[in-house]
Amino acid sequence: MIDLPVLTSPLLDLSGIRHAFFTRRGGVSNGIYAGLNVGVGSRDDADAVKENRRRAAGHLGGTLVTAYQVHSARALTADGAWPGEPPQADAVVSATPGVICGALAADCAPILLADAQARVVAAAHAGWQGALHGVAEATIVRMEELGARRDRIVAAVGPCIGPASYEVGLEYVQRFTEVNPSFARFFGAGASADKRQFDLPAFVLSRLEAAGIAASEWIGRDTCAEPELFFSNRRAFKMGEPDYGRLLSAITLA
């Protein structure tokens, strides 16, 4: 086992389950990727990313399985490492001990889910597109296929961009309210009349609650506002940096 500084959720402190919301600390990458960058899709040194992923897998004790994330609502079941290149999806579900379900993010909301009784776990990546179009719901359906029950599933949303940092244009409000007018409640007043502040974690939690899961929480950490702990796409853009690292959130059956 490899000890790394991680964040956790009390909801997921369950018998037979290990989870971690990794920060950027504890890795070998340098420069703008300094620390534990696990993003294969970043322009970081490939060997450094490989070592960072090895360390993260070692912390939880198993085989790390992540998808090629495309902001979709697709969830896949894994019983081991992918046989080839990672498939396109935004959630990984497993009932196999030693398979570490992982989700990468750098402002998007990572969701870790578990049904301890059925011994089914999952990790999902929910940007605004995936959250709006049902990645959480798709993940829960996959978990049910393996024996989980909604009234037993608990979930935690990890570090993501917080409402104070997430300024969007009015076109985002329209995209959400076209799906459901009640979604307007997740947009607060912005710095100007044509801007709004979007509460991504609250929106994700609302989708989990509406799906009927037992309990959920956001761990309350804003990736954009805490550069010493987290990578952030938006912060990198504001600072004129050419790329950014990716954080890992992961869960496994012990």
C-alpha atoms as a PDB file:
ATOM      1  CA  MET A   1       0.000   0.000   0.000  1.00  0.00           C
ATOM      2  CA  ILE A   2       1.133   3.551  -0.774  1.00  0.00           C
ATOM      3  CA  ASP A   3       0.055   6.315   1.601  1.00  0.00           C
ATOM      4  CA  LEU A   4      -1.039   9.510  -0.167  1.00  0.00           C
ATOM      5  CA  PRO A   5      -2.820  12.589   1.206  1.00  0.00           C
ATOM      6  CA  VAL A   6      -6.458  12.176   0.204  1.00  0.00           C
ATOM      7  CA  LEU A   7      -9.916  13.468   1.036  1.00  0.00           C
ATOM      8  CA  THR A   8     -12.768  11.148   1.965  1.00  0.00           C
ATOM      9  CA  SER A   9     -16.493  11.230   2.662  1.00  0.00           C
ATOM     10  CA  PRO A  10     -18.057   9.818   5.851  1.00  0.00           C
ATOM     11  CA  LEU A  11     -20.893   8.454   3.704  1.00  0.00           C
ATOM     12  CA  LEU A  12     -18.452   6.123   1.975  1.00  0.00           C
ATOM     13  CA  ASP A  13     -16.622   4.965   5.085  1.00  0.00           C
ATOM     14  CA  LEU A  14     -18.250   1.568   4.711  1.00  0.00           C
ATOM     15  CA  SER A  15     -17.134  -1.942   5.610  1.00  0.00           C
ATOM     16  CA  GLY A  16     -15.374  -3.640   2.715  1.00  0.00           C
ATOM     17  CA  ILE A  17     -15.047  -0.459   0.633  1.00  0.00           C
ATOM     18  CA  ARG A  18     -12.112   1.880   0.149  1.00  0.00           C
ATOM     19  CA  HIS A  19     -12.342   5.260  -1.550  1.00  0.00           C
ATOM     20  CA  ALA A  20     -10.307   8.413  -2.062  1.00  0.00           C
ATOM     21  CA  PHE A  21     -10.633  11.848  -3.562  1.00  0.00           C
ATOM     22  CA  PHE A  22      -6.985  12.420  -4.470  1.00  0.00           C
ATOM     23  CA  THR A  23      -5.518  15.907  -4.442  1.00  0.00           C
ATOM     24  CA  ARG A  24      -2.567  17.051  -6.547  1.00  0.00           C
ATOM     25  CA  ARG A  25      -0.190  16.194  -3.703  1.00  0.00           C
ATOM     26  CA  GLY A  26       2.004  13.115  -3.634  1.00  0.00           C
ATOM     27  CA  GLY A  27       2.955  12.799  -7.295  1.00  0.00           C
ATOM     28  CA  VAL A  28       6.060  13.213  -9.446  1.00  0.00           C
ATOM     29  CA  SER A  29       4.918  15.614 -12.184  1.00  0.00           C
ATOM     30  CA  ASN A  30       6.500  19.058 -12.549  1.00  0.00           C
ATOM     31  CA  GLY A  31       5.628  22.531 -13.760  1.00  0.00           C
ATOM     32  CA  ILE A  32       1.954  23.265 -14.338  1.00  0.00           C
ATOM     33  CA  TYR A  33       1.267  19.577 -13.663  1.00  0.00           C
ATOM     34  CA  ALA A  34       3.173  19.591 -10.378  1.00  0.00           C
ATOM     35  CA  GLY A  35       2.098  16.714  -8.196  1.00  0.00           C
ATOM     36  CA  LEU A  36      -0.276  13.835  -8.823  1.00  0.00           C
ATOM     37  CA  ASN A  37      -1.464  14.433 -12.375  1.00  0.00           C
ATOM     38  CA  VAL A  38      -3.210  11.248 -13.572  1.00  0.00           C
ATOM     39  CA  GLY A  39      -4.415  12.642 -16.894  1.00  0.00           C
ATOM     40  CA  VAL A  40      -3.234  10.488 -19.796  1.00  0.00           C
ATOM     41  CA  GLY A  41      -4.870  13.050 -22.068  1.00  0.00           C
ATOM     42  CA  SER A  42      -2.739  15.888 -20.708  1.00  0.00           C
ATOM     43  CA  ARG A  43       0.539  16.953 -22.291  1.00  0.00           C
ATOM     44  CA  ASP A  44       2.481  15.939 -19.206  1.00  0.00           C
ATOM     45  CA  ASP A  45       5.378  13.488 -19.404  1.00  0.00           C
ATOM     46  CA  ALA A  46       3.815  10.073 -20.030  1.00  0.00           C
ATOM     47  CA  ASP A  47       6.135   8.288 -17.596  1.00  0.00           C
ATOM     48  CA  ALA A  48       5.251  10.751 -14.836  1.00  0.00           C
ATOM     49  CA  VAL A  49       1.530  10.213 -15.408  1.00  0.00           C
ATOM     50  CA  LYS A  50       2.063   6.444 -15.361  1.00  0.00           C
ATOM     51  CA  GLU A  51       3.911   6.674 -12.056  1.00  0.00           C
ATOM     52  CA  ASN A  52       1.213   8.916 -10.570  1.00  0.00           C
ATOM     53  CA  ARG A  53      -1.474   6.432 -11.558  1.00  0.00           C
ATOM     54  CA  ARG A  54       0.601   3.602 -10.088  1.00  0.00           C
ATOM     55  CA  ARG A  55       0.828   5.467  -6.797  1.00  0.00           C
ATOM     56  CA  ALA A  56      -2.902   6.131  -6.711  1.00  0.00           C
ATOM     57  CA  ALA A  57      -3.673   2.480  -7.439  1.00  0.00           C
ATOM     58  CA  GLY A  58      -1.220   1.486  -4.736  1.00  0.00           C
ATOM     59  CA  HIS A  59      -2.972   3.692  -2.211  1.00  0.00           C
ATOM     60  CA  LEU A  60      -6.254   1.841  -2.701  1.00  0.00           C
ATOM     61  CA  GLY A  61      -4.735  -1.545  -3.465  1.00  0.00           C
ATOM     62  CA  GLY A  62      -5.917  -2.793  -6.836  1.00  0.00           C
ATOM     63  CA  THR A  63      -6.096  -2.196 -10.566  1.00  0.00           C
ATOM     64  CA  LEU A  64      -7.113   1.311 -11.590  1.00  0.00           C
ATOM     65  CA  VAL A  65      -9.758   1.346 -14.335  1.00  0.00           C
ATOM     66  CA  THR A  66     -10.762   4.636 -15.961  1.00  0.00           C
ATOM     67  CA  ALA A  67     -12.620   5.360 -19.193  1.00  0.00           C
ATOM     68  CA  TYR A  68     -11.893   7.736 -22.061  1.00  0.00           C
ATOM     69  CA  GLN A  69     -14.183  10.476 -20.786  1.00  0.00           C
ATOM     70  CA  VAL A  70     -16.253  12.352 -23.367  1.00  0.00           C
ATOM     71  CA  HIS A  71     -18.875  14.248 -21.304  1.00  0.00           C
ATOM     72  CA  SER A  72     -21.478  11.586 -22.037  1.00  0.00           C
ATOM     73  CA  ALA A  73     -24.127   9.774 -20.013  1.00  0.00           C
ATOM     74  CA  ARG A  74     -22.568   6.372 -20.712  1.00  0.00           C
ATOM     75  CA  ALA A  75     -21.669   4.028 -17.842  1.00  0.00           C
ATOM     76  CA  LEU A  76     -19.748   0.760 -18.299  1.00  0.00           C
ATOM     77  CA  THR A  77     -19.212  -2.295 -16.107  1.00  0.00           C
ATOM     78  CA  ALA A  78     -15.643  -3.480 -15.518  1.00  0.00           C
ATOM     79  CA  ASP A  79     -14.443  -6.748 -13.989  1.00  0.00           C
ATOM     80  CA  GLY A  80     -10.769  -6.039 -14.689  1.00  0.00           C
ATOM     81  CA  ALA A  81      -8.509  -3.864 -16.790  1.00  0.00           C
ATOM     82  CA  TRP A  82      -9.818  -3.001 -20.251  1.00  0.00           C
ATOM     83  CA  PRO A  83      -8.462  -5.472 -22.840  1.00  0.00           C
ATOM     84  CA  GLY A  84      -7.366  -2.648 -25.123  1.00  0.00           C
ATOM     85  CA  GLU A  85      -7.619   1.128 -25.209  1.00  0.00           C
ATOM     86  CA  PRO A  86     -10.060   2.599 -22.662  1.00  0.00           C
ATOM     87  CA  PRO A  87     -13.599   2.812 -24.106  1.00  0.00           C
ATOM     88  CA  GLN A  88     -15.480   6.074 -24.354  1.00  0.00           C
ATOM     89  CA  ALA A  89     -17.680   6.488 -21.290  1.00  0.00           C
ATOM     90  CA  ASP A  90     -18.026   8.668 -18.213  1.00  0.00           C
ATOM     91  CA  ALA A  91     -18.643   6.136 -15.468  1.00  0.00           C
ATOM     92  CA  VAL A  92     -17.105   2.846 -14.395  1.00  0.00           C
ATOM     93  CA  VAL A  93     -19.098   0.347 -12.304  1.00  0.00           C
ATOM     94  CA  SER A  94     -17.816  -2.859 -10.711  1.00  0.00           C
ATOM     95  CA  ALA A  95     -18.690  -5.688  -8.349  1.00  0.00           C
ATOM     96  CA  THR A  96     -15.202  -7.216  -8.606  1.00  0.00           C
ATOM     97  CA  PRO A  97     -12.846  -6.853  -5.633  1.00  0.00           C
ATOM     98  CA  GLY A  98      -9.574  -5.203  -6.598  1.00  0.00           C
ATOM     99  CA  VAL A  99     -11.020  -3.239  -9.501  1.00  0.00           C
ATOM    100  CA  ILE A 100     -10.594   0.449  -8.704  1.00  0.00           C
ATOM    101  CA  CYS A 101     -13.319   2.474 -10.426  1.00  0.00           C
ATOM    102  CA  GLY A 102     -11.860   5.868 -11.226  1.00  0.00           C
ATOM    103  CA  ALA A 103     -13.085   9.207 -12.547  1.00  0.00           C
ATOM    104  CA  LEU A 104     -10.815  12.033 -13.689  1.00  0.00           C
ATOM    105  CA  ALA A 105     -11.724  15.695 -13.317  1.00  0.00           C
ATOM    106  CA  ALA A 106     -10.315  19.204 -13.217  1.00  0.00           C
ATOM    107  CA  ASP A 107     -13.456  21.198 -12.270  1.00  0.00           C
ATOM    108  CA  CYS A 108     -16.124  18.699 -13.354  1.00  0.00           C
ATOM    109  CA  ALA A 109     -17.852  16.835 -10.540  1.00  0.00           C
ATOM    110  CA  PRO A 110     -16.566  13.351  -9.688  1.00  0.00           C
ATOM    111  CA  ILE A 111     -19.180  11.102  -8.084  1.00  0.00           C
ATOM    112  CA  LEU A 112     -18.325   8.006  -6.065  1.00  0.00           C
ATOM    113  CA  LEU A 113     -21.196   5.609  -5.321  1.00  0.00           C
ATOM    114  CA  ALA A 114     -21.546   2.409  -3.304  1.00  0.00           C
ATOM    115  CA  ASP A 115     -24.051  -0.198  -2.204  1.00  0.00           C
ATOM    116  CA  ALA A 116     -22.142  -1.921   0.581  1.00  0.00           C
ATOM    117  CA  GLN A 117     -24.666  -4.723   0.993  1.00  0.00           C
ATOM    118  CA  ALA A 118     -24.693  -5.681  -2.690  1.00  0.00           C
ATOM    119  CA  ARG A 119     -20.952  -4.928  -2.916  1.00  0.00           C
ATOM    120  CA  VAL A 120     -21.225  -2.723  -5.974  1.00  0.00           C
ATOM    121  CA  VAL A 121     -19.233   0.495  -6.454  1.00  0.00           C
ATOM    122  CA  ALA A 122     -18.950   3.128  -9.157  1.00  0.00           C
ATOM    123  CA  ALA A 123     -17.130   6.300 -10.154  1.00  0.00           C
ATOM    124  CA  ALA A 124     -18.687   8.848 -12.498  1.00  0.00           C
ATOM    125  CA  HIS A 125     -17.479  12.039 -14.182  1.00  0.00           C
ATOM    126  CA  ALA A 126     -20.178  14.715 -14.289  1.00  0.00           C
ATOM    127  CA  GLY A 127     -19.450  17.910 -16.133  1.00  0.00           C
ATOM    128  CA  TRP A 128     -22.449  20.099 -16.837  1.00  0.00           C
ATOM    129  CA  GLN A 129     -23.247  18.133 -20.002  1.00  0.00           C
ATOM    130  CA  GLY A 130     -23.038  14.716 -18.392  1.00  0.00           C
ATOM    131  CA  ALA A 131     -24.948  15.869 -15.333  1.00  0.00           C
ATOM    132  CA  LEU A 132     -27.705  17.413 -17.433  1.00  0.00           C
ATOM    133  CA  HIS A 133     -28.080  14.429 -19.739  1.00  0.00           C
ATOM    134  CA  GLY A 134     -28.060  11.742 -17.052  1.00  0.00           C
ATOM    135  CA  VAL A 135     -24.641  10.276 -16.243  1.00  0.00           C
ATOM    136  CA  ALA A 136     -25.616   9.809 -12.589  1.00  0.00           C
ATOM    137  CA  GLU A 137     -28.828   8.035 -13.543  1.00  0.00           C
ATOM    138  CA  ALA A 138     -27.039   5.815 -16.077  1.00  0.00           C
ATOM    139  CA  THR A 139     -24.504   4.853 -13.433  1.00  0.00           C
ATOM    140  CA  ILE A 140     -27.221   3.871 -10.985  1.00  0.00           C
ATOM    141  CA  VAL A 141     -28.900   1.689 -13.628  1.00  0.00           C
ATOM    142  CA  ARG A 142     -25.598  -0.130 -14.237  1.00  0.00           C
ATOM    143  CA  MET A 143     -25.208  -0.645 -10.503  1.00  0.00           C
ATOM    144  CA  GLU A 144     -28.720  -2.122 -10.330  1.00  0.00           C
ATOM    145  CA  GLU A 145     -27.784  -4.597 -13.046  1.00  0.00           C
ATOM    146  CA  LEU A 146     -25.146  -5.932 -10.638  1.00  0.00           C
ATOM    147  CA  GLY A 147     -27.573  -6.216  -7.736  1.00  0.00           C
ATOM    148  CA  ALA A 148     -27.485  -2.767  -6.142  1.00  0.00           C
ATOM    149  CA  ARG A 149     -30.632  -1.041  -4.890  1.00  0.00           C
ATOM    150  CA  ARG A 150     -31.299   2.669  -5.042  1.00  0.00           C
ATOM    151  CA  ASP A 151     -32.516   2.788  -1.463  1.00  0.00           C
ATOM    152  CA  ARG A 152     -29.122   1.447  -0.340  1.00  0.00           C
ATOM    153  CA  ILE A 153     -26.791   3.400  -2.630  1.00  0.00           C
ATOM    154  CA  VAL A 154     -24.887   6.276  -1.071  1.00  0.00           C
ATOM    155  CA  ALA A 155     -22.881   8.809  -3.054  1.00  0.00           C
ATOM    156  CA  ALA A 156     -20.357  11.559  -2.527  1.00  0.00           C
ATOM    157  CA  VAL A 157     -19.478  14.356  -4.932  1.00  0.00           C
ATOM    158  CA  GLY A 158     -15.803  15.164  -4.729  1.00  0.00           C
ATOM    159  CA  PRO A 159     -13.771  18.313  -5.347  1.00  0.00           C
ATOM    160  CA  CYS A 160     -15.236  20.295  -8.242  1.00  0.00           C
ATOM    161  CA  ILE A 161     -15.762  23.861  -9.292  1.00  0.00           C
ATOM    162  CA  GLY A 162     -17.935  25.609  -6.722  1.00  0.00           C
ATOM    163  CA  PRO A 163     -20.787  28.052  -7.362  1.00  0.00           C
ATOM    164  CA  ALA A 164     -18.667  31.078  -6.450  1.00  0.00           C
ATOM    165  CA  SER A 165     -16.162  30.165  -9.190  1.00  0.00           C
ATOM    166  CA  TYR A 166     -18.481  28.951 -11.947  1.00  0.00           C
ATOM    167  CA  GLU A 167     -19.604  31.955 -13.999  1.00  0.00           C
ATOM    168  CA  VAL A 168     -21.591  31.109 -17.128  1.00  0.00           C
ATOM    169  CA  GLY A 169     -23.529  32.937 -19.806  1.00  0.00           C
ATOM    170  CA  LEU A 170     -27.292  33.059 -20.156  1.00  0.00           C
ATOM    171  CA  GLU A 171     -27.147  30.395 -22.869  1.00  0.00           C
ATOM    172  CA  TYR A 172     -26.371  27.855 -20.151  1.00  0.00           C
ATOM    173  CA  VAL A 173     -29.513  28.783 -18.277  1.00  0.00           C
ATOM    174  CA  GLN A 174     -31.486  28.229 -21.469  1.00  0.00           C
ATOM    175  CA  ARG A 175     -29.923  24.804 -22.058  1.00  0.00           C
ATOM    176  CA  PHE A 176     -30.942  23.672 -18.596  1.00  0.00           C
ATOM    177  CA  THR A 177     -34.411  25.190 -18.487  1.00  0.00           C
ATOM    178  CA  GLU A 178     -35.251  23.686 -21.878  1.00  0.00           C
ATOM    179  CA  VAL A 179     -34.845  20.307 -20.190  1.00  0.00           C
ATOM    180  CA  ASN A 180     -36.685  21.333 -17.022  1.00  0.00           C
ATOM    181  CA  PRO A 181     -37.768  24.888 -16.121  1.00  0.00           C
ATOM    182  CA  SER A 182     -37.153  24.166 -12.436  1.00  0.00           C
ATOM    183  CA  PHE A 183     -33.417  23.907 -13.137  1.00  0.00           C
ATOM    184  CA  ALA A 184     -33.280  27.711 -13.153  1.00  0.00           C
ATOM    185  CA  ARG A 185     -32.891  27.521  -9.375  1.00  0.00           C
ATOM    186  CA  PHE A 186     -29.293  26.367  -9.776  1.00  0.00           C
ATOM    187  CA  PHE A 187     -28.235  29.659 -11.363  1.00  0.00           C
ATOM    188  CA  GLY A 188     -27.568  32.644  -9.118  1.00  0.00           C
ATOM    189  CA  ALA A 189     -27.001  36.297  -9.953  1.00  0.00           C
ATOM    190  CA  GLY A 190     -23.788  37.037 -11.806  1.00  0.00           C
ATOM    191  CA  ALA A 191     -21.408  39.980 -11.887  1.00  0.00           C
ATOM    192  CA  SER A 192     -23.386  41.455 -14.780  1.00  0.00           C
ATOM    193  CA  ALA A 193     -26.845  41.084 -16.276  1.00  0.00           C
ATOM    194  CA  ASP A 194     -25.631  38.605 -18.893  1.00  0.00           C
ATOM    195  CA  LYS A 195     -23.834  36.326 -16.422  1.00  0.00           C
ATOM    196  CA  ARG A 196     -24.932  33.745 -13.873  1.00  0.00           C
ATOM    197  CA  GLN A 197     -23.208  31.631 -11.221  1.00  0.00           C
ATOM    198  CA  PHE A 198     -23.932  27.936 -11.704  1.00  0.00           C
ATOM    199  CA  ASP A 199     -24.053  25.590  -8.716  1.00  0.00           C
ATOM    200  CA  LEU A 200     -22.776  22.348 -10.268  1.00  0.00           C
ATOM    201  CA  PRO A 201     -22.487  20.312  -7.043  1.00  0.00           C
ATOM    202  CA  ALA A 202     -26.025  21.233  -5.980  1.00  0.00           C
ATOM    203  CA  PHE A 203     -27.327  20.251  -9.404  1.00  0.00           C
ATOM    204  CA  VAL A 204     -25.565  16.881  -9.272  1.00  0.00           C
ATOM    205  CA  LEU A 205     -26.898  16.234  -5.771  1.00  0.00           C
ATOM    206  CA  SER A 206     -30.404  17.078  -6.944  1.00  0.00           C
ATOM    207  CA  ARG A 207     -30.134  14.486  -9.709  1.00  0.00           C
ATOM    208  CA  LEU A 208     -28.948  11.854  -7.250  1.00  0.00           C
ATOM    209  CA  GLU A 209     -31.787  12.658  -4.869  1.00  0.00           C
ATOM    210  CA  ALA A 210     -34.357  12.573  -7.674  1.00  0.00           C
ATOM    211  CA  ALA A 211     -32.999   9.168  -8.696  1.00  0.00           C
ATOM    212  CA  GLY A 212     -33.921   7.855  -5.264  1.00  0.00           C
ATOM    213  CA  ILE A 213     -30.571   7.026  -3.755  1.00  0.00           C
ATOM    214  CA  ALA A 214     -30.294   6.683   0.018  1.00  0.00           C
ATOM    215  CA  ALA A 215     -27.984   9.618   0.786  1.00  0.00           C
ATOM    216  CA  SER A 216     -25.512  11.952  -0.902  1.00  0.00           C
ATOM    217  CA  GLU A 217     -23.219  14.864  -0.125  1.00  0.00           C
ATOM    218  CA  TRP A 218     -20.675  17.222  -1.675  1.00  0.00           C
ATOM    219  CA  ILE A 219     -17.434  17.258   0.258  1.00  0.00           C
ATOM    220  CA  GLY A 220     -17.390  21.028  -0.195  1.00  0.00           C
ATOM    221  CA  ARG A 221     -14.069  21.685  -1.924  1.00  0.00           C
ATOM    222  CA  ASP A 222     -13.788  24.119  -4.844  1.00  0.00           C
ATOM    223  CA  THR A 223     -11.083  23.049  -7.317  1.00  0.00           C
ATOM    224  CA  CYS A 224     -10.820  26.481  -8.921  1.00  0.00           C
ATOM    225  CA  ALA A 225     -10.311  28.266  -5.596  1.00  0.00           C
ATOM    226  CA  GLU A 226      -7.623  26.026  -4.070  1.00  0.00           C
ATOM    227  CA  PRO A 227      -4.584  25.886  -6.380  1.00  0.00           C
ATOM    228  CA  GLU A 228      -2.348  24.301  -3.755  1.00  0.00           C
ATOM    229  CA  LEU A 229      -4.594  21.227  -3.630  1.00  0.00           C
ATOM    230  CA  PHE A 230      -6.376  20.904  -6.945  1.00  0.00           C
ATOM    231  CA  PHE A 231      -5.947  21.173 -10.695  1.00  0.00           C
ATOM    232  CA  SER A 232      -8.516  23.381 -12.432  1.00  0.00           C
ATOM    233  CA  ASN A 233      -9.328  23.844 -16.096  1.00  0.00           C
ATOM    234  CA  ARG A 234     -10.953  27.222 -15.520  1.00  0.00           C
ATOM    235  CA  ARG A 235      -8.128  28.538 -13.368  1.00  0.00           C
ATOM    236  CA  ALA A 236      -5.579  27.405 -15.953  1.00  0.00           C
ATOM    237  CA  PHE A 237      -7.507  29.237 -18.677  1.00  0.00           C
ATOM    238  CA  LYS A 238      -7.695  32.427 -16.603  1.00  0.00           C
ATOM    239  CA  MET A 239      -3.962  32.287 -15.963  1.00  0.00           C
ATOM    240  CA  GLY A 240      -3.138  31.696 -19.617  1.00  0.00           C
ATOM    241  CA  GLU A 241      -1.612  28.280 -18.992  1.00  0.00           C
ATOM    242  CA  PRO A 242      -1.506  25.943 -22.019  1.00  0.00           C
ATOM    243  CA  ASP A 243      -2.817  22.848 -20.217  1.00  0.00           C
ATOM    244  CA  TYR A 244      -3.775  21.497 -16.795  1.00  0.00           C
ATOM    245  CA  GLY A 245      -3.496  18.353 -14.703  1.00  0.00           C
ATOM    246  CA  ARG A 246      -6.311  15.963 -13.866  1.00  0.00           C
ATOM    247  CA  LEU A 247      -7.398  14.795 -10.431  1.00  0.00           C
ATOM    248  CA  LEU A 248      -8.502  11.268  -9.599  1.00  0.00           C
ATOM    249  CA  SER A 249     -11.486  10.146  -7.538  1.00  0.00           C
ATOM    250  CA  ALA A 250     -11.700   6.408  -7.016  1.00  0.00           C
ATOM    251  CA  ILE A 251     -13.459   3.608  -5.144  1.00  0.00           C
ATOM    252  CA  THR A 252     -12.963  -0.143  -4.808  1.00  0.00           C
ATOM    253  CA  LEU A 253     -14.157  -3.236  -2.999  1.00  0.00           C
ATOM    254  CA  ALA A 254     -11.548  -4.275  -0.450  1.00  0.00           C
END
